[in-house]
Amino acid sequence: FGIPLGCLPAIRSNAEVYGRITSGALAGVKLSGCVGDQQAAVLGHRCREGEAKNTYGTGCFMLLHTGARPVPSTHGLLSTALWRLGASAPLQFALEGSVATAGCGVQWLRDKLGIIGSSAK
């Protein structure tokens, strides 16, 4: 895309101390353990390479753990960083697919159209 690499953030471990809060009631508290929503779901379910996790909320996301190398998609999925569990650990990747409207689509069917009586339906 022509974006200089120096403009992009460094990929850091999800399991290291990044710094400390410098002022206020939490001064001195370590800042550590950062992981994104869908990536946290894959990690929390202990998905190994070749396993996938779907999350359902406002949107719907599927992440397939592809291991220590990004895998280019032939079906419109996004190759994305998954996690790095330690400063010297290998970076893990996933293929990600998303649907922008999932949970809010169900709410719309229930609340605005009255087609279903509950989200469970």
PDB file of N, CA and C in Angstrom:
ATOM      1  N   PHE A   1       0.808  -1.208   0.000  1.00  0.00           N
ATOM      2  CA  PHE A   1       0.000   0.000   0.000  1.00  0.00           C
ATOM      3  C   PHE A   1       0.847   1.265   0.000  1.00  0.00           C
ATOM      4  N   GLY A   2       2.175   1.115   0.041  1.00  0.00           N
ATOM      5  CA  GLY A   2       3.052   2.281   0.032  1.00  0.00           C
ATOM      6  C   GLY A   2       3.169   2.977   1.380  1.00  0.00           C
ATOM      7  N   ILE A   3       2.807   2.317   2.463  1.00  0.00           N
ATOM      8  CA  ILE A   3       2.918   2.921   3.790  1.00  0.00           C
ATOM      9  C   ILE A   3       4.320   2.634   4.324  1.00  0.00           C
ATOM     10  N   PRO A   4       5.052   3.670   4.744  1.00  0.00           N
ATOM     11  CA  PRO A   4       6.392   3.421   5.293  1.00  0.00           C
ATOM     12  C   PRO A   4       6.297   2.567   6.560  1.00  0.00           C
ATOM     13  N   LEU A   5       7.135   1.529   6.665  1.00  0.00           N
ATOM     14  CA  LEU A   5       7.086   0.628   7.815  1.00  0.00           C
ATOM     15  C   LEU A   5       7.310   1.355   9.124  1.00  0.00           C
ATOM     16  N   GLY A   6       8.062   2.444   9.106  1.00  0.00           N
ATOM     17  CA  GLY A   6       8.309   3.219  10.320  1.00  0.00           C
ATOM     18  C   GLY A   6       7.057   3.853  10.902  1.00  0.00           C
ATOM     19  N   CYS A   7       5.995   3.961  10.110  1.00  0.00           N
ATOM     20  CA  CYS A   7       4.731   4.527  10.594  1.00  0.00           C
ATOM     21  C   CYS A   7       3.892   3.502  11.353  1.00  0.00           C
ATOM     22  N   LEU A   8       4.214   2.227  11.184  1.00  0.00           N
ATOM     23  CA  LEU A   8       3.410   1.167  11.792  1.00  0.00           C
ATOM     24  C   LEU A   8       3.942   0.811  13.175  1.00  0.00           C
ATOM     25  N   PRO A   9       3.053   0.425  14.080  1.00  0.00           N
ATOM     26  CA  PRO A   9       3.527   0.047  15.423  1.00  0.00           C
ATOM     27  C   PRO A   9       4.291  -1.268  15.382  1.00  0.00           C
ATOM     28  N   ALA A  10       5.205  -1.433  16.322  1.00  0.00           N
ATOM     29  CA  ALA A  10       5.927  -2.695  16.455  1.00  0.00           C
ATOM     30  C   ALA A  10       4.982  -3.746  17.021  1.00  0.00           C
ATOM     31  N   ILE A  11       5.123  -4.977  16.560  1.00  0.00           N
ATOM     32  CA  ILE A  11       4.352  -6.069  17.147  1.00  0.00           C
ATOM     33  C   ILE A  11       5.098  -6.500  18.392  1.00  0.00           C
ATOM     34  N   ARG A  12       4.420  -6.380  19.538  1.00  0.00           N
ATOM     35  CA  ARG A  12       5.016  -6.734  20.830  1.00  0.00           C
ATOM     36  C   ARG A  12       4.335  -7.979  21.356  1.00  0.00           C
ATOM     37  N   SER A  13       4.955  -8.575  22.331  1.00  0.00           N
ATOM     38  CA  SER A  13       4.372  -9.738  22.982  1.00  0.00           C
ATOM     39  C   SER A  13       3.092  -9.351  23.704  1.00  0.00           C
ATOM     40  N   ASN A  14       2.151 -10.283  23.766  1.00  0.00           N
ATOM     41  CA  ASN A  14       0.936 -10.079  24.545  1.00  0.00           C
ATOM     42  C   ASN A  14       1.183 -10.346  26.023  1.00  0.00           C
ATOM     43  N   ALA A  15       2.369 -10.828  26.359  1.00  0.00           N
ATOM     44  CA  ALA A  15       2.665 -11.249  27.727  1.00  0.00           C
ATOM     45  C   ALA A  15       3.977 -10.636  28.198  1.00  0.00           C
ATOM     46  N   GLU A  16       4.014  -9.321  28.288  1.00  0.00           N
ATOM     47  CA  GLU A  16       5.191  -8.639  28.817  1.00  0.00           C
ATOM     48  C   GLU A  16       4.740  -7.325  29.444  1.00  0.00           C
ATOM     49  N   VAL A  17       5.606  -6.733  30.238  1.00  0.00           N
ATOM     50  CA  VAL A  17       5.306  -5.433  30.855  1.00  0.00           C
ATOM     51  C   VAL A  17       5.696  -4.347  29.860  1.00  0.00           C
ATOM     52  N   TYR A  18       4.742  -3.468  29.541  1.00  0.00           N
ATOM     53  CA  TYR A  18       4.970  -2.388  28.582  1.00  0.00           C
ATOM     54  C   TYR A  18       5.422  -1.100  29.259  1.00  0.00           C
ATOM     55  N   GLY A  19       5.063  -0.961  30.521  1.00  0.00           N
ATOM     56  CA  GLY A  19       5.398   0.256  31.264  1.00  0.00           C
ATOM     57  C   GLY A  19       4.615   0.281  32.563  1.00  0.00           C
ATOM     58  N   ARG A  20       4.604   1.434  33.192  1.00  0.00           N
ATOM     59  CA  ARG A  20       3.877   1.621  34.448  1.00  0.00           C
ATOM     60  C   ARG A  20       3.078   2.908  34.377  1.00  0.00           C
ATOM     61  N   ILE A  21       1.974   2.941  35.077  1.00  0.00           N
ATOM     62  CA  ILE A  21       1.187   4.164  35.197  1.00  0.00           C
ATOM     63  C   ILE A  21       1.998   5.139  36.033  1.00  0.00           C
ATOM     64  N   THR A  22       2.082   6.384  35.585  1.00  0.00           N
ATOM     65  CA  THR A  22       2.980   7.343  36.229  1.00  0.00           C
ATOM     66  C   THR A  22       2.308   8.285  37.217  1.00  0.00           C
ATOM     67  N   SER A  23       0.978   8.390  37.201  1.00  0.00           N
ATOM     68  CA  SER A  23       0.341   9.318  38.136  1.00  0.00           C
ATOM     69  C   SER A  23      -1.059   8.843  38.503  1.00  0.00           C
ATOM     70  N   GLY A  24      -1.617   9.479  39.498  1.00  0.00           N
ATOM     71  CA  GLY A  24      -2.977   9.165  39.917  1.00  0.00           C
ATOM     72  C   GLY A  24      -3.038   7.988  40.871  1.00  0.00           C
ATOM     73  N   ALA A  25      -4.233   7.536  41.140  1.00  0.00           N
ATOM     74  CA  ALA A  25      -4.471   6.472  42.114  1.00  0.00           C
ATOM     75  C   ALA A  25      -3.793   5.160  41.739  1.00  0.00           C
ATOM     76  N   LEU A  26      -3.538   4.960  40.458  1.00  0.00           N
ATOM     77  CA  LEU A  26      -2.915   3.711  40.006  1.00  0.00           C
ATOM     78  C   LEU A  26      -1.425   3.863  39.702  1.00  0.00           C
ATOM     79  N   ALA A  27      -0.817   4.942  40.159  1.00  0.00           N
ATOM     80  CA  ALA A  27       0.612   5.181  39.898  1.00  0.00           C
ATOM     81  C   ALA A  27       1.431   3.965  40.331  1.00  0.00           C
ATOM     82  N   GLY A  28       2.326   3.538  39.447  1.00  0.00           N
ATOM     83  CA  GLY A  28       3.192   2.407  39.714  1.00  0.00           C
ATOM     84  C   GLY A  28       2.660   1.072  39.254  1.00  0.00           C
ATOM     85  N   VAL A  29       1.378   0.984  38.918  1.00  0.00           N
ATOM     86  CA  VAL A  29       0.793  -0.276  38.457  1.00  0.00           C
ATOM     87  C   VAL A  29       1.351  -0.601  37.077  1.00  0.00           C
ATOM     88  N   LYS A  30       1.757  -1.840  36.899  1.00  0.00           N
ATOM     89  CA  LYS A  30       2.318  -2.276  35.624  1.00  0.00           C
ATOM     90  C   LYS A  30       1.235  -2.366  34.554  1.00  0.00           C
ATOM     91  N   LEU A  31       1.585  -1.985  33.330  1.00  0.00           N
ATOM     92  CA  LEU A  31       0.727  -2.168  32.168  1.00  0.00           C
ATOM     93  C   LEU A  31       1.252  -3.377  31.413  1.00  0.00           C
ATOM     94  N   SER A  32       0.444  -4.417  31.319  1.00  0.00           N
ATOM     95  CA  SER A  32       0.899  -5.652  30.672  1.00  0.00           C
ATOM     96  C   SER A  32      -0.299  -6.471  30.216  1.00  0.00           C
ATOM     97  N   GLY A  33      -0.016  -7.499  29.428  1.00  0.00           N
ATOM     98  CA  GLY A  33      -1.045  -8.451  29.025  1.00  0.00           C
ATOM     99  C   GLY A  33      -2.105  -7.889  28.105  1.00  0.00           C
ATOM    100  N   CYS A  34      -1.734  -7.445  26.938  1.00  0.00           N
ATOM    101  CA  CYS A  34      -2.662  -6.852  25.976  1.00  0.00           C
ATOM    102  C   CYS A  34      -3.011  -7.857  24.880  1.00  0.00           C
ATOM    103  N   VAL A  35      -4.306  -8.072  24.648  1.00  0.00           N
ATOM    104  CA  VAL A  35      -4.743  -8.953  23.565  1.00  0.00           C
ATOM    105  C   VAL A  35      -6.116  -8.475  23.088  1.00  0.00           C
ATOM    106  N   GLY A  36      -6.345  -8.535  21.783  1.00  0.00           N
ATOM    107  CA  GLY A  36      -7.607  -8.078  21.209  1.00  0.00           C
ATOM    108  C   GLY A  36      -8.762  -9.036  21.483  1.00  0.00           C
ATOM    109  N   ASP A  37      -9.964  -8.596  21.233  1.00  0.00           N
ATOM    110  CA  ASP A  37     -11.193  -9.338  21.536  1.00  0.00           C
ATOM    111  C   ASP A  37     -11.230 -10.722  20.897  1.00  0.00           C
ATOM    112  N   GLN A  38     -11.202 -10.795  19.585  1.00  0.00           N
ATOM    113  CA  GLN A  38     -11.293 -12.093  18.910  1.00  0.00           C
ATOM    114  C   GLN A  38     -10.047 -12.943  19.168  1.00  0.00           C
ATOM    115  N   GLN A  39      -8.888 -12.298  19.206  1.00  0.00           N
ATOM    116  CA  GLN A  39      -7.659 -13.039  19.498  1.00  0.00           C
ATOM    117  C   GLN A  39      -7.723 -13.634  20.903  1.00  0.00           C
ATOM    118  N   ALA A  40      -8.271 -12.898  21.853  1.00  0.00           N
ATOM    119  CA  ALA A  40      -8.420 -13.403  23.221  1.00  0.00           C
ATOM    120  C   ALA A  40      -9.352 -14.612  23.260  1.00  0.00           C
ATOM    121  N   ALA A  41     -10.393 -14.611  22.428  1.00  0.00           N
ATOM    122  CA  ALA A  41     -11.309 -15.751  22.388  1.00  0.00           C
ATOM    123  C   ALA A  41     -10.596 -16.999  21.871  1.00  0.00           C
ATOM    124  N   VAL A  42      -9.756 -16.848  20.851  1.00  0.00           N
ATOM    125  CA  VAL A  42      -8.994 -17.982  20.311  1.00  0.00           C
ATOM    126  C   VAL A  42      -8.022 -18.498  21.372  1.00  0.00           C
ATOM    127  N   LEU A  43      -7.349 -17.581  22.045  1.00  0.00           N
ATOM    128  CA  LEU A  43      -6.398 -17.955  23.095  1.00  0.00           C
ATOM    129  C   LEU A  43      -7.123 -18.610  24.276  1.00  0.00           C
ATOM    130  N   GLY A  44      -8.229 -18.018  24.706  1.00  0.00           N
ATOM    131  CA  GLY A  44      -8.987 -18.551  25.844  1.00  0.00           C
ATOM    132  C   GLY A  44      -9.533 -19.947  25.599  1.00  0.00           C
ATOM    133  N   HIS A  45      -9.853 -20.249  24.360  1.00  0.00           N
ATOM    134  CA  HIS A  45     -10.348 -21.585  24.009  1.00  0.00           C
ATOM    135  C   HIS A  45      -9.213 -22.534  23.636  1.00  0.00           C
ATOM    136  N   ARG A  46      -7.982 -22.029  23.783  1.00  0.00           N
ATOM    137  CA  ARG A  46      -6.773 -22.826  23.554  1.00  0.00           C
ATOM    138  C   ARG A  46      -6.755 -23.475  22.169  1.00  0.00           C
ATOM    139  N   CYS A  47      -7.170 -22.704  21.167  1.00  0.00           N
ATOM    140  CA  CYS A  47      -7.163 -23.217  19.791  1.00  0.00           C
ATOM    141  C   CYS A  47      -5.729 -23.411  19.325  1.00  0.00           C
ATOM    142  N   ARG A  48      -5.448 -24.598  18.885  1.00  0.00           N
ATOM    143  CA  ARG A  48      -4.136 -24.928  18.346  1.00  0.00           C
ATOM    144  C   ARG A  48      -4.115 -24.667  16.844  1.00  0.00           C
ATOM    145  N   GLU A  49      -2.939 -24.740  16.271  1.00  0.00           N
ATOM    146  CA  GLU A  49      -2.805 -24.547  14.830  1.00  0.00           C
ATOM    147  C   GLU A  49      -3.777 -25.470  14.109  1.00  0.00           C
ATOM    148  N   GLY A  50      -4.528 -24.907  13.164  1.00  0.00           N
ATOM    149  CA  GLY A  50      -5.514 -25.674  12.404  1.00  0.00           C
ATOM    150  C   GLY A  50      -6.903 -25.647  13.007  1.00  0.00           C
ATOM    151  N   GLU A  51      -7.048 -25.072  14.197  1.00  0.00           N
ATOM    152  CA  GLU A  51      -8.368 -24.982  14.839  1.00  0.00           C
ATOM    153  C   GLU A  51      -8.903 -23.562  14.703  1.00  0.00           C
ATOM    154  N   ALA A  52     -10.229 -23.446  14.691  1.00  0.00           N
ATOM    155  CA  ALA A  52     -10.877 -22.152  14.503  1.00  0.00           C
ATOM    156  C   ALA A  52     -11.820 -21.849  15.654  1.00  0.00           C
ATOM    157  N   LYS A  53     -12.116 -20.567  15.827  1.00  0.00           N
ATOM    158  CA  LYS A  53     -13.051 -20.100  16.840  1.00  0.00           C
ATOM    159  C   LYS A  53     -13.947 -19.058  16.211  1.00  0.00           C
ATOM    160  N   ASN A  54     -15.249 -19.190  16.436  1.00  0.00           N
ATOM    161  CA  ASN A  54     -16.210 -18.165  16.007  1.00  0.00           C
ATOM    162  C   ASN A  54     -16.652 -17.382  17.234  1.00  0.00           C
ATOM    163  N   THR A  55     -16.810 -16.062  17.079  1.00  0.00           N
ATOM    164  CA  THR A  55     -17.397 -15.239  18.125  1.00  0.00           C
ATOM    165  C   THR A  55     -18.611 -14.534  17.542  1.00  0.00           C
ATOM    166  N   TYR A  56     -19.624 -14.403  18.366  1.00  0.00           N
ATOM    167  CA  TYR A  56     -20.884 -13.796  17.934  1.00  0.00           C
ATOM    168  C   TYR A  56     -21.231 -12.657  18.872  1.00  0.00           C
ATOM    169  N   GLY A  57     -21.352 -11.481  18.340  1.00  0.00           N
ATOM    170  CA  GLY A  57     -21.720 -10.300  19.110  1.00  0.00           C
ATOM    171  C   GLY A  57     -22.395  -9.344  18.152  1.00  0.00           C
ATOM    172  N   THR A  58     -22.045  -8.062  18.232  1.00  0.00           N
ATOM    173  CA  THR A  58     -22.572  -7.107  17.258  1.00  0.00           C
ATOM    174  C   THR A  58     -22.199  -7.566  15.858  1.00  0.00           C
ATOM    175  N   GLY A  59     -20.961  -8.009  15.718  1.00  0.00           N
ATOM    176  CA  GLY A  59     -20.481  -8.631  14.482  1.00  0.00           C
ATOM    177  C   GLY A  59     -20.228 -10.100  14.745  1.00  0.00           C
ATOM    178  N   CYS A  60     -19.838 -10.807  13.720  1.00  0.00           N
ATOM    179  CA  CYS A  60     -19.521 -12.235  13.837  1.00  0.00           C
ATOM    180  C   CYS A  60     -18.142 -12.434  13.212  1.00  0.00           C
ATOM    181  N   PHE A  61     -17.265 -13.125  13.944  1.00  0.00           N
ATOM    182  CA  PHE A  61     -15.888 -13.285  13.487  1.00  0.00           C
ATOM    183  C   PHE A  61     -15.465 -14.739  13.568  1.00  0.00           C
ATOM    184  N   MET A  62     -14.691 -15.168  12.590  1.00  0.00           N
ATOM    185  CA  MET A  62     -14.107 -16.500  12.581  1.00  0.00           C
ATOM    186  C   MET A  62     -12.605 -16.311  12.430  1.00  0.00           C
ATOM    187  N   LEU A  63     -11.843 -16.915  13.358  1.00  0.00           N
ATOM    188  CA  LEU A  63     -10.392 -16.894  13.269  1.00  0.00           C
ATOM    189  C   LEU A  63      -9.877 -18.318  13.232  1.00  0.00           C
ATOM    190  N   LEU A  64      -9.045 -18.616  12.243  1.00  0.00           N
ATOM    191  CA  LEU A  64      -8.417 -19.919  12.089  1.00  0.00           C
ATOM    192  C   LEU A  64      -6.933 -19.768  12.392  1.00  0.00           C
ATOM    193  N   HIS A  65      -6.456 -20.430  13.439  1.00  0.00           N
ATOM    194  CA  HIS A  65      -5.055 -20.358  13.838  1.00  0.00           C
ATOM    195  C   HIS A  65      -4.203 -21.053  12.777  1.00  0.00           C
ATOM    196  N   THR A  66      -3.330 -20.286  12.120  1.00  0.00           N
ATOM    197  CA  THR A  66      -2.510 -20.845  11.034  1.00  0.00           C
ATOM    198  C   THR A  66      -1.062 -21.102  11.452  1.00  0.00           C
ATOM    199  N   GLY A  67      -0.694 -20.777  12.695  1.00  0.00           N
ATOM    200  CA  GLY A  67       0.654 -21.058  13.165  1.00  0.00           C
ATOM    201  C   GLY A  67       1.602 -19.889  13.016  1.00  0.00           C
ATOM    202  N   ALA A  68       2.879 -20.188  12.858  1.00  0.00           N
ATOM    203  CA  ALA A  68       3.937 -19.179  12.896  1.00  0.00           C
ATOM    204  C   ALA A  68       4.197 -18.489  11.561  1.00  0.00           C
ATOM    205  N   ARG A  69       3.299 -18.631  10.614  1.00  0.00           N
ATOM    206  CA  ARG A  69       3.475 -17.917   9.345  1.00  0.00           C
ATOM    207  C   ARG A  69       2.116 -17.443   8.845  1.00  0.00           C
ATOM    208  N   PRO A  70       2.083 -16.248   8.272  1.00  0.00           N
ATOM    209  CA  PRO A  70       0.816 -15.793   7.696  1.00  0.00           C
ATOM    210  C   PRO A  70       0.478 -16.620   6.465  1.00  0.00           C
ATOM    211  N   VAL A  71      -0.775 -16.952   6.302  1.00  0.00           N
ATOM    212  CA  VAL A  71      -1.239 -17.730   5.160  1.00  0.00           C
ATOM    213  C   VAL A  71      -2.113 -16.827   4.303  1.00  0.00           C
ATOM    214  N   PRO A  72      -1.737 -16.592   3.061  1.00  0.00           N
ATOM    215  CA  PRO A  72      -2.593 -15.768   2.204  1.00  0.00           C
ATOM    216  C   PRO A  72      -3.901 -16.491   1.901  1.00  0.00           C
ATOM    217  N   SER A  73      -4.982 -15.755   1.945  1.00  0.00           N
ATOM    218  CA  SER A  73      -6.296 -16.327   1.685  1.00  0.00           C
ATOM    219  C   SER A  73      -6.596 -16.319   0.191  1.00  0.00           C
ATOM    220  N   THR A  74      -7.290 -17.342  -0.245  1.00  0.00           N
ATOM    221  CA  THR A  74      -7.777 -17.372  -1.624  1.00  0.00           C
ATOM    222  C   THR A  74      -9.287 -17.144  -1.660  1.00  0.00           C
ATOM    223  N   HIS A  75      -9.877 -16.803  -0.478  1.00  0.00           N
ATOM    224  CA  HIS A  75     -11.327 -16.632  -0.393  1.00  0.00           C
ATOM    225  C   HIS A  75     -11.731 -15.345   0.322  1.00  0.00           C
ATOM    226  N   GLY A  76     -10.896 -14.325   0.301  1.00  0.00           N
ATOM    227  CA  GLY A  76     -11.266 -13.025   0.849  1.00  0.00           C
ATOM    228  C   GLY A  76     -11.103 -12.874   2.351  1.00  0.00           C
ATOM    229  N   LEU A  77     -10.400 -13.800   2.996  1.00  0.00           N
ATOM    230  CA  LEU A  77     -10.152 -13.663   4.424  1.00  0.00           C
ATOM    231  C   LEU A  77      -8.922 -12.787   4.641  1.00  0.00           C
ATOM    232  N   LEU A  78      -8.749 -12.322   5.864  1.00  0.00           N
ATOM    233  CA  LEU A  78      -7.636 -11.456   6.229  1.00  0.00           C
ATOM    234  C   LEU A  78      -6.595 -12.257   6.993  1.00  0.00           C
ATOM    235  N   SER A  79      -5.317 -12.192   6.589  1.00  0.00           N
ATOM    236  CA  SER A  79      -4.235 -12.763   7.396  1.00  0.00           C
ATOM    237  C   SER A  79      -3.923 -11.751   8.487  1.00  0.00           C
ATOM    238  N   THR A  80      -3.940 -12.181   9.743  1.00  0.00           N
ATOM    239  CA  THR A  80      -3.782 -11.261  10.862  1.00  0.00           C
ATOM    240  C   THR A  80      -2.876 -11.843  11.935  1.00  0.00           C
ATOM    241  N   ALA A  81      -2.214 -10.958  12.689  1.00  0.00           N
ATOM    242  CA  ALA A  81      -1.430 -11.395  13.845  1.00  0.00           C
ATOM    243  C   ALA A  81      -2.395 -11.895  14.911  1.00  0.00           C
ATOM    244  N   LEU A  82      -2.060 -13.017  15.524  1.00  0.00           N
ATOM    245  CA  LEU A  82      -2.922 -13.620  16.540  1.00  0.00           C
ATOM    246  C   LEU A  82      -2.395 -13.316  17.932  1.00  0.00           C
ATOM    247  N   TRP A  83      -1.158 -13.731  18.229  1.00  0.00           N
ATOM    248  CA  TRP A  83      -0.524 -13.427  19.509  1.00  0.00           C
ATOM    249  C   TRP A  83       0.951 -13.772  19.466  1.00  0.00           C
ATOM    250  N   ARG A  84       1.644 -13.263  20.449  1.00  0.00           N
ATOM    251  CA  ARG A  84       3.033 -13.627  20.737  1.00  0.00           C
ATOM    252  C   ARG A  84       3.102 -13.744  22.253  1.00  0.00           C
ATOM    253  N   LEU A  85       3.260 -14.935  22.762  1.00  0.00           N
ATOM    254  CA  LEU A  85       3.188 -15.183  24.197  1.00  0.00           C
ATOM    255  C   LEU A  85       4.571 -15.190  24.833  1.00  0.00           C
ATOM    256  N   GLY A  86       5.199 -14.036  24.854  1.00  0.00           N
ATOM    257  CA  GLY A  86       6.533 -13.850  25.402  1.00  0.00           C
ATOM    258  C   GLY A  86       7.400 -13.118  24.397  1.00  0.00           C
ATOM    259  N   ALA A  87       8.315 -12.300  24.890  1.00  0.00           N
ATOM    260  CA  ALA A  87       9.129 -11.453  24.010  1.00  0.00           C
ATOM    261  C   ALA A  87       9.941 -12.253  23.005  1.00  0.00           C
ATOM    262  N   SER A  88      10.342 -13.464  23.361  1.00  0.00           N
ATOM    263  CA  SER A  88      11.136 -14.274  22.424  1.00  0.00           C
ATOM    264  C   SER A  88      10.317 -15.390  21.777  1.00  0.00           C
ATOM    265  N   ALA A  89       9.023 -15.429  22.045  1.00  0.00           N
ATOM    266  CA  ALA A  89       8.153 -16.461  21.464  1.00  0.00           C
ATOM    267  C   ALA A  89       7.847 -16.127  20.008  1.00  0.00           C
ATOM    268  N   PRO A  90       7.562 -17.147  19.209  1.00  0.00           N
ATOM    269  CA  PRO A  90       7.215 -16.863  17.807  1.00  0.00           C
ATOM    270  C   PRO A  90       5.841 -16.208  17.697  1.00  0.00           C
ATOM    271  N   LEU A  91       5.734 -15.276  16.789  1.00  0.00           N
ATOM    272  CA  LEU A  91       4.453 -14.649  16.486  1.00  0.00           C
ATOM    273  C   LEU A  91       3.556 -15.685  15.820  1.00  0.00           C
ATOM    274  N   GLN A  92       2.302 -15.758  16.255  1.00  0.00           N
ATOM    275  CA  GLN A  92       1.325 -16.678  15.670  1.00  0.00           C
ATOM    276  C   GLN A  92       0.343 -15.872  14.821  1.00  0.00           C
ATOM    277  N   PHE A  93      -0.187 -16.497  13.782  1.00  0.00           N
ATOM    278  CA  PHE A  93      -1.074 -15.826  12.840  1.00  0.00           C
ATOM    279  C   PHE A  93      -2.404 -16.555  12.720  1.00  0.00           C
ATOM    280  N   ALA A  94      -3.356 -15.873  12.109  1.00  0.00           N
ATOM    281  CA  ALA A  94      -4.672 -16.459  11.859  1.00  0.00           C
ATOM    282  C   ALA A  94      -5.221 -15.919  10.542  1.00  0.00           C
ATOM    283  N   LEU A  95      -6.157 -16.658   9.996  1.00  0.00           N
ATOM    284  CA  LEU A  95      -7.005 -16.147   8.921  1.00  0.00           C
ATOM    285  C   LEU A  95      -8.297 -15.711   9.589  1.00  0.00           C
ATOM    286  N   GLU A  96      -8.770 -14.514   9.245  1.00  0.00           N
ATOM    287  CA  GLU A  96      -9.954 -13.949   9.881  1.00  0.00           C
ATOM    288  C   GLU A  96     -11.013 -13.601   8.844  1.00  0.00           C
ATOM    289  N   GLY A  97     -12.236 -14.000   9.150  1.00  0.00           N
ATOM    290  CA  GLY A  97     -13.387 -13.608   8.347  1.00  0.00           C
ATOM    291  C   GLY A  97     -14.377 -12.904   9.246  1.00  0.00           C
ATOM    292  N   SER A  98     -15.104 -11.937   8.710  1.00  0.00           N
ATOM    293  CA  SER A  98     -16.042 -11.193   9.551  1.00  0.00           C
ATOM    294  C   SER A  98     -17.346 -10.903   8.821  1.00  0.00           C
ATOM    295  N   VAL A  99     -18.377 -10.800   9.622  1.00  0.00           N
ATOM    296  CA  VAL A  99     -19.698 -10.363   9.174  1.00  0.00           C
ATOM    297  C   VAL A  99     -20.026  -9.156  10.036  1.00  0.00           C
ATOM    298  N   ALA A 100     -20.221  -7.993   9.427  1.00  0.00           N
ATOM    299  CA  ALA A 100     -20.382  -6.753  10.186  1.00  0.00           C
ATOM    300  C   ALA A 100     -21.645  -6.731  11.042  1.00  0.00           C
ATOM    301  N   THR A 101     -22.691  -7.369  10.593  1.00  0.00           N
ATOM    302  CA  THR A 101     -23.956  -7.325  11.307  1.00  0.00           C
ATOM    303  C   THR A 101     -24.385  -8.734  11.663  1.00  0.00           C
ATOM    304  N   ALA A 102     -24.342  -9.047  12.943  1.00  0.00           N
ATOM    305  CA  ALA A 102     -24.782 -10.363  13.410  1.00  0.00           C
ATOM    306  C   ALA A 102     -25.767 -10.154  14.556  1.00  0.00           C
ATOM    307  N   GLY A 103     -25.245  -9.853  15.743  1.00  0.00           N
ATOM    308  CA  GLY A 103     -26.104  -9.663  16.909  1.00  0.00           C
ATOM    309  C   GLY A 103     -27.094  -8.523  16.724  1.00  0.00           C
ATOM    310  N   CYS A 104     -26.661  -7.420  16.122  1.00  0.00           N
ATOM    311  CA  CYS A 104     -27.587  -6.302  15.930  1.00  0.00           C
ATOM    312  C   CYS A 104     -28.620  -6.638  14.852  1.00  0.00           C
ATOM    313  N   GLY A 105     -28.284  -7.554  13.950  1.00  0.00           N
ATOM    314  CA  GLY A 105     -29.273  -8.020  12.973  1.00  0.00           C
ATOM    315  C   GLY A 105     -30.374  -8.834  13.649  1.00  0.00           C
ATOM    316  N   VAL A 106     -29.977  -9.661  14.610  1.00  0.00           N
ATOM    317  CA  VAL A 106     -30.956 -10.440  15.380  1.00  0.00           C
ATOM    318  C   VAL A 106     -31.840  -9.492  16.187  1.00  0.00           C
ATOM    319  N   GLN A 107     -31.238  -8.484  16.814  1.00  0.00           N
ATOM    320  CA  GLN A 107     -32.031  -7.501  17.570  1.00  0.00           C
ATOM    321  C   GLN A 107     -33.027  -6.792  16.659  1.00  0.00           C
ATOM    322  N   TRP A 108     -32.622  -6.460  15.463  1.00  0.00           N
ATOM    323  CA  TRP A 108     -33.496  -5.782  14.512  1.00  0.00           C
ATOM    324  C   TRP A 108     -34.686  -6.674  14.162  1.00  0.00           C
ATOM    325  N   LEU A 109     -34.412  -7.970  13.903  1.00  0.00           N
ATOM    326  CA  LEU A 109     -35.514  -8.904  13.628  1.00  0.00           C
ATOM    327  C   LEU A 109     -36.479  -8.989  14.800  1.00  0.00           C
ATOM    328  N   ARG A 110     -35.941  -8.977  16.030  1.00  0.00           N
ATOM    329  CA  ARG A 110     -36.759  -9.089  17.237  1.00  0.00           C
ATOM    330  C   ARG A 110     -37.479  -7.786  17.560  1.00  0.00           C
ATOM    331  N   ASP A 111     -36.727  -6.660  17.639  1.00  0.00           N
ATOM    332  CA  ASP A 111     -37.280  -5.414  18.174  1.00  0.00           C
ATOM    333  C   ASP A 111     -38.006  -4.562  17.149  1.00  0.00           C
ATOM    334  N   LYS A 112     -37.559  -4.552  15.909  1.00  0.00           N
ATOM    335  CA  LYS A 112     -38.142  -3.652  14.907  1.00  0.00           C
ATOM    336  C   LYS A 112     -39.153  -4.353  14.000  1.00  0.00           C
ATOM    337  N   LEU A 113     -38.862  -5.592  13.620  1.00  0.00           N
ATOM    338  CA  LEU A 113     -39.757  -6.295  12.706  1.00  0.00           C
ATOM    339  C   LEU A 113     -40.723  -7.238  13.431  1.00  0.00           C
ATOM    340  N   GLY A 114     -40.358  -7.631  14.659  1.00  0.00           N
ATOM    341  CA  GLY A 114     -41.211  -8.528  15.424  1.00  0.00           C
ATOM    342  C   GLY A 114     -41.318  -9.915  14.816  1.00  0.00           C
ATOM    343  N   ILE A 115     -40.351 -10.319  13.991  1.00  0.00           N
ATOM    344  CA  ILE A 115     -40.378 -11.627  13.339  1.00  0.00           C
ATOM    345  C   ILE A 115     -40.085 -12.736  14.330  1.00  0.00           C
ATOM    346  N   ILE A 116     -39.212 -12.447  15.316  1.00  0.00           N
ATOM    347  CA  ILE A 116     -38.899 -13.427  16.359  1.00  0.00           C
ATOM    348  C   ILE A 116     -39.214 -12.814  17.714  1.00  0.00           C
ATOM    349  N   GLY A 117     -39.547 -13.663  18.673  1.00  0.00           N
ATOM    350  CA  GLY A 117     -39.911 -13.177  20.007  1.00  0.00           C
ATOM    351  C   GLY A 117     -38.725 -13.021  20.946  1.00  0.00           C
ATOM    352  N   SER A 118     -37.639 -13.722  20.654  1.00  0.00           N
ATOM    353  CA  SER A 118     -36.463 -13.638  21.513  1.00  0.00           C
ATOM    354  C   SER A 118     -35.216 -13.874  20.661  1.00  0.00           C
ATOM    355  N   SER A 119     -34.073 -13.417  21.164  1.00  0.00           N
ATOM    356  CA  SER A 119     -32.818 -13.620  20.447  1.00  0.00           C
ATOM    357  C   SER A 119     -32.493 -15.091  20.289  1.00  0.00           C
ATOM    358  N   ALA A 120     -32.913 -15.904  21.267  1.00  0.00           N
ATOM    359  CA  ALA A 120     -32.651 -17.350  21.211  1.00  0.00           C
ATOM    360  C   ALA A 120     -33.357 -18.007  20.028  1.00  0.00           C
ATOM    361  N   LYS A 121     -34.466 -17.455  19.588  1.00  0.00           N
ATOM    362  CA  LYS A 121     -35.219 -18.028  18.463  1.00  0.00           C
ATOM    363  C   LYS A 121     -34.425 -17.867  17.187  1.00  0.00           C
TER     364      LYS A 121
END
